[in-house]
Amino acid sequence: MDLPERYAIDGDAMDGGMATVFKCHDRILERPVALKVMPRRFKTRRLNDELQALYTIRSKHVVQVFDVCVDNTSVGIVQEFVDGKDLFSTDIAPSSADDFLFILWQIASGISDIHAAGLIHRDIKPNNMKVDQEGILKIFDFGLAREDGPAAATVGFVGTVGFSAPEQYVAGTQFTQSIDIFAFGATALYFGTQSLCAELSAEPPSAFASNPFLSLPFTIPTDVADTLFACMAHLPSNRPKMSAVCQTIEKHLLFNRHRALVVLNGKPSYLDKDNTSVSLTFGSIAGVKIEYDGLLFKVTNVAGDVFVNNAAVAVGDALPGACVLTLGGPERRATQRAYVTFDLSNPEIIA
């Protein structure tokens, strides 16, 4: 196509599915960019879908669109260039649970951002995402993206065998963001095993006899394995939200990195991996013990009436990130009740 003067092609053409992709140099901003070129006559609706999707999303884990170029025969999308390898590459195959979970958390974060924008990617798979030189994963190729809502329905099968949800094989089926969640689970299983299993290769995919995430080459936490398996549930309503998947993975990546400040009568106490428990009492009226297990801050002992944000506390309850504990029941006078503030710092996963 006829490129604006600011862009210079810098490399051979690459296959981009429904388009041809070139690495280019942006002469003005002095940076590499990816130019995705599609014929104007070729499924213009899908091109518009891709542009709309990419303009809407702002995510560290989704490629960003910078510009659009149009001539008489072609349309070019100028977007962020990701210098890295996709998840089909054995070079980035996970060698430990932490490696595995770190990549999955980035994929889940990107899909969660896509869904927060009200969109469906509809073709999540290992080669539609790359890990750059800094270890940052980016999702791309929105050529099949659609807005979530009444217009999102299958006309015929459009997707990738091995990573498409069962409902994508049924013409006229109303589909939702849950198809991305199924594809995430399938991608996670491929990434963990470095192979595509028979159940996912079937058209449509068949049900699993047992949880395959419990048989990876490395051991992952049971709740993570159960969550990943639930992503591939045949009934879309049984699949978890992507934001919930993120949270489940995240808490394990942040194991032993949380810190909470607990204040009673102006006296602060800190809970973390080095100081895992604190006991708080208010005379003979009430008391509570809180312990940190590396993942959550849980109530392990209660004496008298203790409330969190006005709800009664029981042993085993996990405290929310910021709350007020009240020692003493509501029938008591103000002088017979004490208040404890609990504030949890929010460590971040660096990606």
Protein backbone atom coordinates (compact mmCIF):
# COMPACT_ATOMS: atom_id res chain seq x y z
CA MET A 1 0.00 0.00 0.00
CA ASP A 2 0.98 3.68 -0.26
CA LEU A 3 2.40 4.47 3.17
CA PRO A 4 2.57 7.96 4.67
CA GLU A 5 6.12 9.31 4.59
CA ARG A 6 6.56 8.88 8.35
CA TYR A 7 6.55 5.06 8.06
CA ALA A 8 9.27 2.97 6.42
CA ILE A 9 8.98 -0.80 6.01
CA ASP A 10 11.80 -2.44 7.96
CA GLY A 11 11.67 -6.19 7.38
CA ASP A 12 10.01 -8.98 5.48
CA ALA A 13 6.26 -9.52 5.46
CA MET A 14 4.83 -11.80 8.14
CA ASP A 15 1.66 -13.85 8.07
CA GLY A 16 -1.08 -12.17 10.06
CA GLY A 17 -3.99 -14.52 9.50
CA MET A 18 -6.43 -12.39 7.51
CA ALA A 19 -3.75 -9.80 6.73
CA THR A 20 -0.09 -9.21 5.97
CA VAL A 21 2.01 -7.71 8.73
CA PHE A 22 5.15 -5.62 8.23
CA LYS A 23 7.61 -4.31 10.77
CA CYS A 24 8.01 -0.58 10.12
CA HIS A 25 9.99 2.33 11.49
CA ASP A 26 8.14 5.44 12.61
CA ARG A 27 10.46 8.23 11.49
CA ILE A 28 8.78 10.88 13.63
CA LEU A 29 8.65 9.07 16.97
CA GLU A 30 11.75 6.95 16.23
CA ARG A 31 10.21 3.65 17.23
CA PRO A 32 9.34 0.31 15.61
CA VAL A 33 5.69 -0.31 14.81
CA ALA A 34 3.71 -3.14 13.26
CA LEU A 35 1.71 -2.41 10.11
CA LYS A 36 -1.18 -4.79 9.50
CA VAL A 37 -2.38 -4.44 5.89
CA MET A 38 -5.75 -5.73 4.67
CA PRO A 39 -7.38 -5.29 1.24
CA ARG A 40 -10.26 -2.83 1.42
CA ARG A 41 -12.53 -5.34 -0.30
CA PHE A 42 -11.71 -8.04 2.24
CA LYS A 43 -14.36 -8.32 4.94
CA THR A 44 -14.47 -4.62 5.77
CA ARG A 45 -16.82 -5.36 8.66
CA ARG A 46 -14.15 -7.42 10.38
CA LEU A 47 -11.57 -4.71 9.85
CA ASN A 48 -13.87 -2.16 11.43
CA ASP A 49 -14.46 -4.56 14.32
CA GLU A 50 -10.73 -4.87 14.92
CA LEU A 51 -10.22 -1.11 14.86
CA GLN A 52 -13.14 -0.45 17.18
CA ALA A 53 -11.92 -3.07 19.63
CA LEU A 54 -8.34 -1.83 19.73
CA TYR A 55 -9.27 1.83 20.02
CA THR A 56 -11.50 1.05 22.99
CA ILE A 57 -9.05 -0.97 25.08
CA ARG A 58 -6.26 0.43 27.23
CA SER A 59 -4.30 -2.40 28.75
CA LYS A 60 -0.69 -3.24 29.44
CA HIS A 61 -1.39 -6.70 28.06
CA VAL A 62 -3.20 -5.77 24.83
CA VAL A 63 -1.48 -4.21 21.80
CA GLN A 64 -2.17 -0.51 21.27
CA VAL A 65 -3.28 1.03 17.96
CA PHE A 66 -1.38 4.18 16.94
CA ASP A 67 -2.65 5.07 13.48
CA VAL A 68 -4.69 3.98 10.44
CA CYS A 69 -3.53 4.36 6.82
CA VAL A 70 -5.90 4.07 3.84
CA ASP A 71 -5.34 4.09 0.06
CA ASN A 72 -7.42 2.95 -2.92
CA THR A 73 -6.74 -0.75 -2.40
CA SER A 74 -5.72 -1.32 1.21
CA VAL A 75 -6.20 -0.34 4.82
CA GLY A 76 -3.26 -0.45 7.21
CA ILE A 77 -3.44 -0.53 10.99
CA VAL A 78 -0.32 0.85 12.67
CA GLN A 79 0.03 -0.70 16.07
CA GLU A 80 2.48 -1.48 18.81
CA PHE A 81 5.28 -3.77 17.66
CA VAL A 82 5.87 -6.70 19.99
CA ASP A 83 9.38 -8.07 19.60
CA GLY A 84 9.02 -11.50 21.08
CA LYS A 85 7.77 -15.06 20.72
CA ASP A 86 4.27 -16.45 20.90
CA LEU A 87 3.15 -19.16 23.27
CA PHE A 88 3.67 -21.91 20.69
CA SER A 89 7.42 -21.32 21.05
CA THR A 90 9.17 -23.91 23.19
CA ASP A 91 11.68 -21.21 24.18
CA ILE A 92 9.20 -19.78 26.66
CA ALA A 93 7.71 -23.07 27.85
CA PRO A 94 7.21 -22.90 31.65
CA SER A 95 9.69 -24.81 33.78
CA SER A 96 7.98 -24.15 37.11
CA ALA A 97 4.60 -23.32 38.61
CA ASP A 98 5.66 -19.69 39.11
CA ASP A 99 6.63 -19.33 35.43
CA PHE A 100 3.32 -20.86 34.41
CA LEU A 101 1.19 -18.73 36.73
CA PHE A 102 3.01 -15.51 35.84
CA ILE A 103 2.20 -15.91 32.14
CA LEU A 104 -1.37 -16.99 32.85
CA TRP A 105 -1.93 -13.98 35.09
CA GLN A 106 -0.84 -11.66 32.28
CA ILE A 107 -3.15 -13.38 29.77
CA ALA A 108 -6.02 -13.25 32.26
CA SER A 109 -5.34 -9.56 32.96
CA GLY A 110 -5.43 -8.74 29.25
CA ILE A 111 -8.67 -10.66 28.66
CA SER A 112 -10.18 -9.08 31.77
CA ASP A 113 -9.40 -5.63 30.35
CA ILE A 114 -10.93 -6.65 27.01
CA HIS A 115 -14.09 -7.79 28.77
CA ALA A 116 -14.23 -4.66 30.91
CA ALA A 117 -14.46 -2.72 27.63
CA GLY A 118 -17.55 -4.77 26.75
CA LEU A 119 -15.80 -6.73 24.02
CA ILE A 120 -15.19 -10.35 23.06
CA HIS A 121 -11.86 -11.24 21.45
CA ARG A 122 -13.23 -14.51 20.00
CA ASP A 123 -9.89 -15.96 18.92
CA ILE A 124 -7.75 -16.30 22.04
CA LYS A 125 -5.00 -18.83 21.29
CA PRO A 126 -1.24 -19.23 21.88
CA ASN A 127 -0.14 -17.53 18.66
CA ASN A 128 -2.35 -14.49 19.19
CA MET A 129 -0.16 -13.35 22.06
CA LYS A 130 3.55 -12.72 22.43
CA VAL A 131 6.00 -12.24 25.29
CA ASP A 132 8.40 -9.35 24.64
CA GLN A 133 12.04 -8.94 25.65
CA GLU A 134 11.01 -7.57 29.06
CA GLY A 135 8.76 -10.53 29.83
CA ILE A 136 5.54 -8.60 29.14
CA LEU A 137 2.79 -10.55 27.39
CA LYS A 138 0.59 -8.79 24.81
CA ILE A 139 -2.62 -10.07 23.21
CA PHE A 140 -3.28 -9.08 19.59
CA ASP A 141 -5.23 -9.99 16.42
CA PHE A 142 -8.73 -8.70 17.04
CA GLY A 143 -9.96 -9.54 13.54
CA LEU A 144 -12.74 -11.66 15.03
CA ALA A 145 -13.64 -9.31 17.88
CA ARG A 146 -17.26 -8.34 18.46
CA GLU A 147 -19.04 -6.22 21.02
CA ASP A 148 -20.64 -8.26 23.77
CA GLY A 149 -24.42 -8.14 23.45
CA PRO A 150 -27.38 -9.15 21.24
CA ALA A 151 -25.36 -8.81 18.00
CA ALA A 152 -22.79 -11.37 19.17
CA ALA A 153 -23.85 -14.66 17.62
CA THR A 154 -22.34 -17.37 15.44
CA VAL A 155 -23.19 -17.42 11.74
CA GLY A 156 -20.93 -20.40 11.01
CA PHE A 157 -17.85 -21.72 12.72
CA VAL A 158 -15.24 -18.99 12.95
CA GLY A 159 -12.35 -19.62 15.30
CA THR A 160 -9.49 -22.04 15.83
CA VAL A 161 -9.96 -25.74 16.41
CA GLY A 162 -8.42 -26.69 19.74
CA PHE A 163 -9.17 -23.35 21.39
CA SER A 164 -12.81 -22.68 20.49
CA ALA A 165 -15.70 -23.23 22.90
CA PRO A 166 -18.36 -25.87 22.13
CA GLU A 167 -21.00 -23.21 21.45
CA GLN A 168 -18.92 -21.72 18.64
CA TYR A 169 -19.67 -24.84 16.58
CA VAL A 170 -23.44 -24.27 16.73
CA ALA A 171 -24.75 -21.83 14.09
CA GLY A 172 -27.02 -19.12 15.42
CA THR A 173 -25.90 -19.55 19.02
CA GLN A 174 -25.77 -16.39 21.11
CA PHE A 175 -22.28 -16.25 22.56
CA THR A 176 -20.77 -14.13 25.29
CA GLN A 177 -17.39 -13.31 26.80
CA SER A 178 -17.41 -16.86 28.15
CA ILE A 179 -15.98 -18.12 24.83
CA ASP A 180 -12.79 -16.19 25.60
CA ILE A 181 -12.73 -17.84 29.02
CA PHE A 182 -12.93 -21.31 27.47
CA ALA A 183 -10.15 -20.36 25.05
CA PHE A 184 -8.07 -19.08 27.98
CA GLY A 185 -8.44 -22.45 29.73
CA ALA A 186 -7.48 -24.29 26.55
CA THR A 187 -4.49 -21.99 26.01
CA ALA A 188 -3.42 -22.50 29.63
CA LEU A 189 -3.57 -26.28 29.21
CA TYR A 190 -1.57 -26.16 25.98
CA PHE A 191 1.02 -23.86 27.57
CA GLY A 192 1.36 -26.10 30.60
CA THR A 193 1.64 -29.38 28.70
CA GLN A 194 3.14 -28.11 25.42
CA SER A 195 0.65 -30.24 23.52
CA LEU A 196 -2.96 -30.15 22.34
CA CYS A 197 -4.96 -32.94 23.96
CA ALA A 198 -7.52 -35.12 22.21
CA GLU A 199 -10.45 -33.58 24.09
CA LEU A 200 -9.68 -30.10 22.74
CA SER A 201 -8.79 -31.36 19.26
CA ALA A 202 -12.28 -32.81 18.82
CA GLU A 203 -14.84 -30.77 16.86
CA PRO A 204 -16.58 -29.66 19.01
CA PRO A 205 -14.33 -30.24 22.05
CA SER A 206 -15.28 -33.18 24.22
CA ALA A 207 -15.60 -33.26 28.01
CA PHE A 208 -12.66 -34.21 30.23
CA ALA A 209 -12.91 -37.27 32.47
CA SER A 210 -10.75 -35.55 35.12
CA ASN A 211 -8.99 -32.27 35.76
CA PRO A 212 -5.92 -32.18 33.47
CA PHE A 213 -4.38 -29.29 35.40
CA LEU A 214 -3.69 -31.70 38.26
CA SER A 215 -1.31 -33.63 35.97
CA LEU A 216 0.98 -30.86 34.73
CA PRO A 217 4.78 -31.41 34.80
CA PHE A 218 4.79 -29.16 37.90
CA THR A 219 2.34 -28.78 40.76
CA ILE A 220 0.05 -25.76 40.93
CA PRO A 221 -2.25 -24.84 43.84
CA THR A 222 -5.45 -26.87 43.88
CA ASP A 223 -7.73 -23.83 43.80
CA VAL A 224 -5.91 -22.54 40.70
CA ALA A 225 -6.18 -25.94 39.01
CA ASP A 226 -9.91 -26.05 39.81
CA THR A 227 -10.41 -22.52 38.48
CA LEU A 228 -8.56 -23.25 35.24
CA PHE A 229 -10.57 -26.43 34.77
CA ALA A 230 -13.81 -24.51 35.36
CA CYS A 231 -12.82 -22.18 32.50
CA MET A 232 -13.34 -25.14 30.13
CA ALA A 233 -16.80 -26.05 31.43
CA HIS A 234 -19.08 -27.02 28.55
CA LEU A 235 -21.92 -24.93 29.98
CA PRO A 236 -20.92 -21.26 29.53
CA SER A 237 -22.67 -20.17 32.74
CA ASN A 238 -20.39 -22.51 34.73
CA ARG A 239 -17.23 -20.69 33.61
CA PRO A 240 -15.81 -18.11 36.05
CA LYS A 241 -15.43 -14.43 35.23
CA MET A 242 -11.99 -13.50 33.96
CA SER A 243 -11.56 -10.99 36.80
CA ALA A 244 -12.10 -13.81 39.32
CA VAL A 245 -9.53 -15.97 37.52
CA CYS A 246 -7.05 -13.09 37.80
CA GLN A 247 -7.64 -12.77 41.52
CA THR A 248 -7.20 -16.50 42.15
CA ILE A 249 -3.86 -16.59 40.32
CA GLU A 250 -2.69 -13.29 41.74
CA LYS A 251 -3.00 -14.27 45.39
CA HIS A 252 -0.58 -17.15 44.84
CA LEU A 253 1.92 -15.03 42.93
CA LEU A 254 1.86 -12.63 45.87
CA PHE A 255 2.30 -15.37 48.48
CA ASN A 256 3.90 -13.96 51.67
CA ARG A 257 4.14 -10.45 50.19
CA HIS A 258 1.10 -8.87 51.89
CA ARG A 259 1.27 -6.57 54.90
CA ALA A 260 -1.54 -5.38 57.13
CA LEU A 261 -1.67 -2.53 59.66
CA VAL A 262 -3.89 -3.19 62.66
CA VAL A 263 -4.60 -0.32 65.10
CA LEU A 264 -6.37 -0.63 68.49
CA ASN A 265 -6.54 2.37 70.84
CA GLY A 266 -3.87 4.16 68.84
CA LYS A 267 -1.42 1.26 69.12
CA PRO A 268 -0.32 -0.15 65.74
CA SER A 269 0.54 -3.76 64.99
CA TYR A 270 1.80 -5.17 61.70
CA LEU A 271 1.04 -8.53 60.17
CA ASP A 272 3.27 -10.01 57.46
CA LYS A 273 5.39 -13.08 56.74
CA ASP A 274 7.67 -12.24 59.69
CA ASN A 275 4.89 -11.44 62.17
CA THR A 276 2.02 -13.75 61.29
CA SER A 277 -0.46 -13.25 64.14
CA VAL A 278 -1.87 -10.67 66.51
CA SER A 279 -4.31 -10.98 69.42
CA LEU A 280 -6.52 -8.00 70.26
CA THR A 281 -8.56 -7.73 73.44
CA PHE A 282 -10.80 -5.14 75.04
CA GLY A 283 -10.80 -5.99 78.71
CA SER A 284 -13.13 -8.89 79.46
CA ILE A 285 -15.67 -7.71 76.90
CA ALA A 286 -14.30 -9.16 73.65
CA GLY A 287 -11.20 -10.29 71.81
CA VAL A 288 -10.06 -11.56 68.43
CA LYS A 289 -6.97 -13.24 66.98
CA ILE A 290 -5.92 -12.64 63.37
CA GLU A 291 -3.38 -14.80 61.53
CA TYR A 292 -1.69 -14.41 58.12
CA ASP A 293 -1.22 -17.66 56.18
CA GLY A 294 0.70 -16.16 53.26
CA LEU A 295 -2.48 -15.70 51.24
CA LEU A 296 -5.18 -14.36 53.53
CA PHE A 297 -5.62 -12.70 56.92
CA LYS A 298 -8.02 -14.95 58.82
CA VAL A 299 -9.79 -14.81 62.16
CA THR A 300 -8.60 -17.80 64.18
CA ASN A 301 -10.16 -17.06 67.59
CA VAL A 302 -13.12 -15.01 68.81
CA ALA A 303 -14.10 -14.18 72.40
CA GLY A 304 -17.32 -12.27 73.06
CA ASP A 305 -19.06 -10.23 70.38
CA VAL A 306 -16.82 -9.16 67.48
CA PHE A 307 -18.04 -7.54 64.28
CA VAL A 308 -16.43 -6.58 60.95
CA ASN A 309 -18.14 -3.68 59.22
CA ASN A 310 -21.20 -4.41 61.43
CA ALA A 311 -21.39 -8.12 60.51
CA ALA A 312 -20.67 -10.76 63.16
CA VAL A 313 -17.27 -12.44 62.85
CA ALA A 314 -16.71 -16.20 62.97
CA VAL A 315 -13.54 -18.26 63.18
CA GLY A 316 -12.21 -18.88 59.68
CA ASP A 317 -13.45 -15.61 58.21
CA ALA A 318 -10.98 -13.79 55.96
CA LEU A 319 -10.76 -10.06 56.52
CA PRO A 320 -11.37 -7.72 53.59
CA GLY A 321 -8.66 -5.32 52.45
CA ALA A 322 -9.86 -2.42 54.58
CA CYS A 323 -12.33 -2.75 57.43
CA VAL A 324 -13.24 -1.83 60.98
CA LEU A 325 -13.56 -4.49 63.67
CA THR A 326 -15.79 -3.71 66.62
CA LEU A 327 -15.15 -5.40 69.98
CA GLY A 328 -18.40 -5.48 71.93
CA GLY A 329 -22.05 -5.84 70.88
CA PRO A 330 -24.30 -2.98 69.70
CA GLU A 331 -26.35 -3.13 72.92
CA ARG A 332 -23.37 -1.80 74.88
CA ARG A 333 -22.64 1.84 75.57
CA ALA A 334 -19.99 3.55 73.43
CA THR A 335 -17.49 3.36 76.30
CA GLN A 336 -17.97 -0.40 76.40
CA ARG A 337 -17.01 -0.92 72.75
CA ALA A 338 -13.61 -0.66 71.07
CA TYR A 339 -12.78 -0.20 67.41
CA VAL A 340 -9.92 -1.74 65.45
CA THR A 341 -8.88 -0.51 62.01
CA PHE A 342 -7.48 -3.06 59.60
CA ASP A 343 -5.71 -1.84 56.43
CA LEU A 344 -4.11 -4.21 53.93
CA SER A 345 -1.39 -2.95 51.61
CA ASN A 346 -1.80 -3.98 47.99
CA PRO A 347 1.44 -5.38 46.57
CA GLU A 348 1.53 -5.53 42.80
CA ILE A 349 2.75 -8.15 40.39
CA ILE A 350 5.50 -6.54 38.33
CA ALA A 351 4.90 -7.41 34.70
